[in-house]
């Protein structure tokens, strides 16, 4: 999941979104996004971009690992 959030809505306008990315999004290598930022007034601004990975649950068994050097 890729999302962009506008942290300065009083200074800039940008379309916020969240979109899932699949293998096809990376068919040409690196994924890129071209968007537009519009100034509403002078000043600094912030944008937060985040990528979250989702993987299928994995099953397994727990085990106890002895400390280095064995049990003393």
PDB file of N, CA and C in Angstrom:
ATOM      1  N   UNK A   1       0.861  -1.172   0.000  1.00  0.00           N
ATOM      2  CA  UNK A   1       0.000   0.000   0.000  1.00  0.00           C
ATOM      3  C   UNK A   1       0.904   1.230   0.000  1.00  0.00           C
ATOM      4  N   UNK A   2       0.627   2.155  -0.869  1.00  0.00           N
ATOM      5  CA  UNK A   2       1.370   3.414  -0.963  1.00  0.00           C
ATOM      6  C   UNK A   2       0.394   4.545  -0.678  1.00  0.00           C
ATOM      7  N   UNK A   3       0.772   5.444   0.224  1.00  0.00           N
ATOM      8  CA  UNK A   3      -0.124   6.560   0.547  1.00  0.00           C
ATOM      9  C   UNK A   3       0.652   7.861   0.629  1.00  0.00           C
ATOM     10  N   UNK A   4      -0.037   8.947   0.317  1.00  0.00           N
ATOM     11  CA  UNK A   4       0.509  10.304   0.444  1.00  0.00           C
ATOM     12  C   UNK A   4      -0.484  11.125   1.259  1.00  0.00           C
ATOM     13  N   UNK A   5       0.044  11.851   2.256  1.00  0.00           N
ATOM     14  CA  UNK A   5      -0.776  12.690   3.120  1.00  0.00           C
ATOM     15  C   UNK A   5      -0.208  14.103   3.129  1.00  0.00           C
ATOM     16  N   UNK A   6      -1.072  15.089   3.006  1.00  0.00           N
ATOM     17  CA  UNK A   6      -0.692  16.501   3.062  1.00  0.00           C
ATOM     18  C   UNK A   6      -0.639  16.924   4.526  1.00  0.00           C
ATOM     19  N   UNK A   7       0.557  17.264   5.004  1.00  0.00           N
ATOM     20  CA  UNK A   7       0.712  17.701   6.395  1.00  0.00           C
ATOM     21  C   UNK A   7       0.539  19.210   6.562  1.00  0.00           C
ATOM     22  N   UNK A   8       0.367  19.932   5.463  1.00  0.00           N
ATOM     23  CA  UNK A   8       0.234  21.397   5.513  1.00  0.00           C
ATOM     24  C   UNK A   8      -0.911  21.870   4.608  1.00  0.00           C
ATOM     25  N   UNK A   9      -2.149  21.479   4.906  1.00  0.00           N
ATOM     26  CA  UNK A   9      -3.254  21.826   4.012  1.00  0.00           C
ATOM     27  C   UNK A   9      -3.548  23.323   3.907  1.00  0.00           C
ATOM     28  N   UNK A  10      -3.057  24.128   4.847  1.00  0.00           N
ATOM     29  CA  UNK A  10      -3.275  25.572   4.743  1.00  0.00           C
ATOM     30  C   UNK A  10      -2.243  26.229   3.819  1.00  0.00           C
ATOM     31  N   UNK A  11      -1.172  25.497   3.464  1.00  0.00           N
ATOM     32  CA  UNK A  11      -0.098  26.052   2.647  1.00  0.00           C
ATOM     33  C   UNK A  11      -0.111  25.496   1.224  1.00  0.00           C
ATOM     34  N   UNK A  12      -0.408  24.194   1.083  1.00  0.00           N
ATOM     35  CA  UNK A  12      -0.415  23.568  -0.237  1.00  0.00           C
ATOM     36  C   UNK A  12      -1.664  22.723  -0.439  1.00  0.00           C
ATOM     37  N   UNK A  13      -1.937  22.425  -1.680  1.00  0.00           N
ATOM     38  CA  UNK A  13      -3.017  21.503  -2.041  1.00  0.00           C
ATOM     39  C   UNK A  13      -2.392  20.364  -2.838  1.00  0.00           C
ATOM     40  N   UNK A  14      -2.673  19.143  -2.421  1.00  0.00           N
ATOM     41  CA  UNK A  14      -2.203  17.946  -3.111  1.00  0.00           C
ATOM     42  C   UNK A  14      -3.272  16.878  -2.935  1.00  0.00           C
ATOM     43  N   UNK A  15      -3.455  16.075  -3.939  1.00  0.00           N
ATOM     44  CA  UNK A  15      -4.430  14.986  -3.835  1.00  0.00           C
ATOM     45  C   UNK A  15      -3.859  13.894  -2.944  1.00  0.00           C
ATOM     46  N   UNK A  16      -4.507  13.668  -1.812  1.00  0.00           N
ATOM     47  CA  UNK A  16      -4.085  12.601  -0.924  1.00  0.00           C
ATOM     48  C   UNK A  16      -4.682  11.293  -1.428  1.00  0.00           C
ATOM     49  N   UNK A  17      -3.984  10.217  -1.234  1.00  0.00           N
ATOM     50  CA  UNK A  17      -4.507   8.935  -1.693  1.00  0.00           C
ATOM     51  C   UNK A  17      -3.824   7.785  -0.984  1.00  0.00           C
ATOM     52  N   UNK A  18      -4.416   6.640  -1.114  1.00  0.00           N
ATOM     53  CA  UNK A  18      -3.817   5.367  -0.705  1.00  0.00           C
ATOM     54  C   UNK A  18      -4.156   4.393  -1.814  1.00  0.00           C
ATOM     55  N   UNK A  19      -3.144   3.724  -2.333  1.00  0.00           N
ATOM     56  CA  UNK A  19      -3.400   2.782  -3.415  1.00  0.00           C
ATOM     57  C   UNK A  19      -2.556   1.532  -3.241  1.00  0.00           C
ATOM     58  N   UNK A  20      -3.179   0.395  -3.532  1.00  0.00           N
ATOM     59  CA  UNK A  20      -2.406  -0.846  -3.466  1.00  0.00           C
ATOM     60  C   UNK A  20      -1.461  -0.930  -4.658  1.00  0.00           C
ATOM     61  N   UNK A  21      -0.291  -1.486  -4.437  1.00  0.00           N
ATOM     62  CA  UNK A  21       0.677  -1.695  -5.509  1.00  0.00           C
ATOM     63  C   UNK A  21       0.858  -3.201  -5.696  1.00  0.00           C
ATOM     64  N   UNK A  22       0.796  -3.633  -6.933  1.00  0.00           N
ATOM     65  CA  UNK A  22       1.012  -5.042  -7.241  1.00  0.00           C
ATOM     66  C   UNK A  22       2.299  -5.178  -8.046  1.00  0.00           C
ATOM     67  N   UNK A  23       2.646  -6.382  -8.404  1.00  0.00           N
ATOM     68  CA  UNK A  23       3.859  -6.614  -9.194  1.00  0.00           C
ATOM     69  C   UNK A  23       3.845  -5.800 -10.486  1.00  0.00           C
ATOM     70  N   UNK A  24       2.686  -5.617 -11.073  1.00  0.00           N
ATOM     71  CA  UNK A  24       2.607  -4.883 -12.342  1.00  0.00           C
ATOM     72  C   UNK A  24       3.047  -3.421 -12.184  1.00  0.00           C
ATOM     73  N   UNK A  25       2.920  -2.857 -10.973  1.00  0.00           N
ATOM     74  CA  UNK A  25       3.359  -1.477 -10.734  1.00  0.00           C
ATOM     75  C   UNK A  25       4.872  -1.349 -10.871  1.00  0.00           C
ATOM     76  N   UNK A  26       5.581  -2.479 -10.745  1.00  0.00           N
ATOM     77  CA  UNK A  26       7.041  -2.478 -10.814  1.00  0.00           C
ATOM     78  C   UNK A  26       7.556  -3.153 -12.081  1.00  0.00           C
ATOM     79  N   UNK A  27       6.693  -3.299 -13.070  1.00  0.00           N
ATOM     80  CA  UNK A  27       7.062  -3.987 -14.309  1.00  0.00           C
ATOM     81  C   UNK A  27       8.249  -3.327 -15.013  1.00  0.00           C
ATOM     82  N   UNK A  28       8.380  -2.024 -14.882  1.00  0.00           N
ATOM     83  CA  UNK A  28       9.481  -1.296 -15.532  1.00  0.00           C
ATOM     84  C   UNK A  28      10.614  -0.995 -14.554  1.00  0.00           C
ATOM     85  N   UNK A  29      10.615  -1.654 -13.403  1.00  0.00           N
ATOM     86  CA  UNK A  29      11.652  -1.416 -12.392  1.00  0.00           C
ATOM     87  C   UNK A  29      11.086  -0.636 -11.225  1.00  0.00           C
ATOM     88  N   UNK A  30      11.671   0.503 -10.931  1.00  0.00           N
ATOM     89  CA  UNK A  30      11.272   1.329  -9.796  1.00  0.00           C
ATOM     90  C   UNK A  30       9.901   1.946 -10.043  1.00  0.00           C
ATOM     91  N   UNK A  31       9.062   1.941  -9.003  1.00  0.00           N
ATOM     92  CA  UNK A  31       7.748   2.588  -9.089  1.00  0.00           C
ATOM     93  C   UNK A  31       7.923   4.085  -8.872  1.00  0.00           C
ATOM     94  N   UNK A  32       7.251   4.882  -9.661  1.00  0.00           N
ATOM     95  CA  UNK A  32       7.281   6.328  -9.445  1.00  0.00           C
ATOM     96  C   UNK A  32       5.867   6.881  -9.540  1.00  0.00           C
ATOM     97  N   UNK A  33       5.669   7.994  -8.868  1.00  0.00           N
ATOM     98  CA  UNK A  33       4.375   8.684  -8.871  1.00  0.00           C
ATOM     99  C   UNK A  33       4.613  10.135  -9.236  1.00  0.00           C
ATOM    100  N   UNK A  34       3.907  10.612 -10.221  1.00  0.00           N
ATOM    101  CA  UNK A  34       3.981  12.025 -10.601  1.00  0.00           C
ATOM    102  C   UNK A  34       2.677  12.681 -10.192  1.00  0.00           C
ATOM    103  N   UNK A  35       2.777  13.645  -9.308  1.00  0.00           N
ATOM    104  CA  UNK A  35       1.591  14.346  -8.841  1.00  0.00           C
ATOM    105  C   UNK A  35       1.823  15.843  -8.879  1.00  0.00           C
ATOM    106  N   UNK A  36       0.793  16.570  -8.583  1.00  0.00           N
ATOM    107  CA  UNK A  36       0.856  18.032  -8.625  1.00  0.00           C
ATOM    108  C   UNK A  36       0.685  18.599  -7.232  1.00  0.00           C
ATOM    109  N   UNK A  37       1.545  19.547  -6.882  1.00  0.00           N
ATOM    110  CA  UNK A  37       1.428  20.289  -5.631  1.00  0.00           C
ATOM    111  C   UNK A  37       1.116  21.732  -5.992  1.00  0.00           C
ATOM    112  N   UNK A  38       0.024  22.256  -5.457  1.00  0.00           N
ATOM    113  CA  UNK A  38      -0.367  23.644  -5.731  1.00  0.00           C
ATOM    114  C   UNK A  38      -0.173  24.486  -4.473  1.00  0.00           C
ATOM    115  N   UNK A  39       0.461  25.622  -4.641  1.00  0.00           N
ATOM    116  CA  UNK A  39       0.695  26.532  -3.537  1.00  0.00           C
ATOM    117  C   UNK A  39      -0.577  27.314  -3.224  1.00  0.00           C
ATOM    118  N   UNK A  40      -0.902  27.399  -1.944  1.00  0.00           N
ATOM    119  CA  UNK A  40      -2.036  28.208  -1.512  1.00  0.00           C
ATOM    120  C   UNK A  40      -1.564  29.525  -0.907  1.00  0.00           C
ATOM    121  N   UNK A  41      -0.372  29.493  -0.319  1.00  0.00           N
ATOM    122  CA  UNK A  41       0.239  30.698   0.241  1.00  0.00           C
ATOM    123  C   UNK A  41       1.713  30.417   0.476  1.00  0.00           C
ATOM    124  N   UNK A  42       2.484  31.464   0.773  1.00  0.00           N
ATOM    125  CA  UNK A  42       3.901  31.302   1.082  1.00  0.00           C
ATOM    126  C   UNK A  42       4.079  30.513   2.377  1.00  0.00           C
ATOM    127  N   UNK A  43       5.169  29.767   2.445  1.00  0.00           N
ATOM    128  CA  UNK A  43       5.495  29.076   3.688  1.00  0.00           C
ATOM    129  C   UNK A  43       6.027  27.687   3.444  1.00  0.00           C
ATOM    130  N   UNK A  44       6.598  27.127   4.480  1.00  0.00           N
ATOM    131  CA  UNK A  44       7.091  25.758   4.414  1.00  0.00           C
ATOM    132  C   UNK A  44       5.927  24.788   4.433  1.00  0.00           C
ATOM    133  N   UNK A  45       6.187  23.584   3.962  1.00  0.00           N
ATOM    134  CA  UNK A  45       5.122  22.589   3.945  1.00  0.00           C
ATOM    135  C   UNK A  45       5.700  21.205   4.144  1.00  0.00           C
ATOM    136  N   UNK A  46       4.833  20.268   4.476  1.00  0.00           N
ATOM    137  CA  UNK A  46       5.240  18.883   4.677  1.00  0.00           C
ATOM    138  C   UNK A  46       4.309  17.938   3.951  1.00  0.00           C
ATOM    139  N   UNK A  47       4.895  16.868   3.445  1.00  0.00           N
ATOM    140  CA  UNK A  47       4.147  15.796   2.795  1.00  0.00           C
ATOM    141  C   UNK A  47       4.662  14.493   3.390  1.00  0.00           C
ATOM    142  N   UNK A  48       3.758  13.597   3.700  1.00  0.00           N
ATOM    143  CA  UNK A  48       4.162  12.301   4.252  1.00  0.00           C
ATOM    144  C   UNK A  48       3.830  11.226   3.224  1.00  0.00           C
ATOM    145  N   UNK A  49       4.843  10.499   2.779  1.00  0.00           N
ATOM    146  CA  UNK A  49       4.645   9.352   1.898  1.00  0.00           C
ATOM    147  C   UNK A  49       5.006   8.089   2.658  1.00  0.00           C
ATOM    148  N   UNK A  50       4.198   7.060   2.507  1.00  0.00           N
ATOM    149  CA  UNK A  50       4.443   5.836   3.260  1.00  0.00           C
ATOM    150  C   UNK A  50       4.128   4.618   2.403  1.00  0.00           C
ATOM    151  N   UNK A  51       4.965   3.627   2.528  1.00  0.00           N
ATOM    152  CA  UNK A  51       4.733   2.337   1.880  1.00  0.00           C
ATOM    153  C   UNK A  51       4.609   1.295   2.980  1.00  0.00           C
ATOM    154  N   UNK A  52       3.517   0.540   2.954  1.00  0.00           N
ATOM    155  CA  UNK A  52       3.306  -0.526   3.926  1.00  0.00           C
ATOM    156  C   UNK A  52       3.253  -1.847   3.183  1.00  0.00           C
ATOM    157  N   UNK A  53       3.969  -2.833   3.683  1.00  0.00           N
ATOM    158  CA  UNK A  53       3.936  -4.146   3.064  1.00  0.00           C
ATOM    159  C   UNK A  53       2.956  -5.038   3.810  1.00  0.00           C
ATOM    160  N   UNK A  54       2.292  -5.861   3.068  1.00  0.00           N
ATOM    161  CA  UNK A  54       1.369  -6.836   3.634  1.00  0.00           C
ATOM    162  C   UNK A  54       1.798  -8.203   3.133  1.00  0.00           C
ATOM    163  N   UNK A  55       2.030  -9.097   4.038  1.00  0.00           N
ATOM    164  CA  UNK A  55       2.411 -10.453   3.658  1.00  0.00           C
ATOM    165  C   UNK A  55       1.421 -11.427   4.280  1.00  0.00           C
ATOM    166  N   UNK A  56       1.306 -12.570   3.656  1.00  0.00           N
ATOM    167  CA  UNK A  56       0.395 -13.587   4.159  1.00  0.00           C
ATOM    168  C   UNK A  56       0.898 -14.106   5.497  1.00  0.00           C
ATOM    169  N   UNK A  57      -0.024 -14.459   6.393  1.00  0.00           N
ATOM    170  CA  UNK A  57       0.396 -15.031   7.669  1.00  0.00           C
ATOM    171  C   UNK A  57       1.207 -16.305   7.438  1.00  0.00           C
ATOM    172  N   UNK A  58       2.203 -16.512   8.259  1.00  0.00           N
ATOM    173  CA  UNK A  58       3.032 -17.713   8.169  1.00  0.00           C
ATOM    174  C   UNK A  58       2.844 -18.543   9.426  1.00  0.00           C
ATOM    175  N   UNK A  59       2.833 -19.846   9.264  1.00  0.00           N
ATOM    176  CA  UNK A  59       2.709 -20.711  10.432  1.00  0.00           C
ATOM    177  C   UNK A  59       4.066 -21.320  10.736  1.00  0.00           C
ATOM    178  N   UNK A  60       4.251 -21.688  11.960  1.00  0.00           N
ATOM    179  CA  UNK A  60       5.512 -22.286  12.358  1.00  0.00           C
ATOM    180  C   UNK A  60       5.413 -22.807  13.774  1.00  0.00           C
ATOM    181  N   UNK A  61       6.492 -23.396  14.247  1.00  0.00           N
ATOM    182  CA  UNK A  61       6.549 -23.919  15.599  1.00  0.00           C
ATOM    183  C   UNK A  61       7.640 -23.202  16.372  1.00  0.00           C
ATOM    184  N   UNK A  62       7.400 -22.955  17.623  1.00  0.00           N
ATOM    185  CA  UNK A  62       8.404 -22.329  18.472  1.00  0.00           C
ATOM    186  C   UNK A  62       9.367 -23.372  19.009  1.00  0.00           C
ATOM    187  N   UNK A  63      10.551 -22.948  19.349  1.00  0.00           N
ATOM    188  CA  UNK A  63      11.542 -23.834  19.949  1.00  0.00           C
ATOM    189  C   UNK A  63      12.415 -23.023  20.887  1.00  0.00           C
ATOM    190  N   UNK A  64      13.034 -23.692  21.825  1.00  0.00           N
ATOM    191  CA  UNK A  64      13.945 -23.039  22.752  1.00  0.00           C
ATOM    192  C   UNK A  64      15.366 -23.237  22.249  1.00  0.00           C
ATOM    193  N   UNK A  65      16.100 -22.167  22.158  1.00  0.00           N
ATOM    194  CA  UNK A  65      17.482 -22.218  21.688  1.00  0.00           C
ATOM    195  C   UNK A  65      18.384 -22.080  22.908  1.00  0.00           C
ATOM    196  N   UNK A  66      19.305 -23.040  23.097  1.00  0.00           N
ATOM    197  CA  UNK A  66      20.200 -22.929  24.257  1.00  0.00           C
ATOM    198  C   UNK A  66      21.117 -21.728  24.120  1.00  0.00           C
ATOM    199  N   UNK A  67      21.537 -21.164  25.245  1.00  0.00           N
ATOM    200  CA  UNK A  67      22.440 -19.995  25.190  1.00  0.00           C
ATOM    201  C   UNK A  67      23.788 -20.405  24.602  1.00  0.00           C
ATOM    202  N   UNK A  68      24.547 -19.454  24.070  1.00  0.00           N
ATOM    203  CA  UNK A  68      25.875 -19.766  23.547  1.00  0.00           C
ATOM    204  C   UNK A  68      26.716 -20.454  24.614  1.00  0.00           C
ATOM    205  N   UNK A  69      27.432 -21.492  24.248  1.00  0.00           N
ATOM    206  CA  UNK A  69      28.268 -22.212  25.202  1.00  0.00           C
ATOM    207  C   UNK A  69      27.522 -23.320  25.939  1.00  0.00           C
ATOM    208  N   UNK A  70      26.249 -23.505  25.634  1.00  0.00           N
ATOM    209  CA  UNK A  70      25.475 -24.577  26.256  1.00  0.00           C
ATOM    210  C   UNK A  70      24.929 -24.169  27.609  1.00  0.00           C
ATOM    211  N   UNK A  71      24.253 -25.094  28.254  1.00  0.00           N
ATOM    212  CA  UNK A  71      23.673 -24.848  29.588  1.00  0.00           C
ATOM    213  C   UNK A  71      24.732 -25.070  30.660  1.00  0.00           C
ATOM    214  N   UNK A  72      25.077 -24.069  31.416  1.00  0.00           N
ATOM    215  CA  UNK A  72      26.070 -24.195  32.495  1.00  0.00           C
ATOM    216  C   UNK A  72      25.448 -23.799  33.799  1.00  0.00           C
TER     217      UNK A  72
END
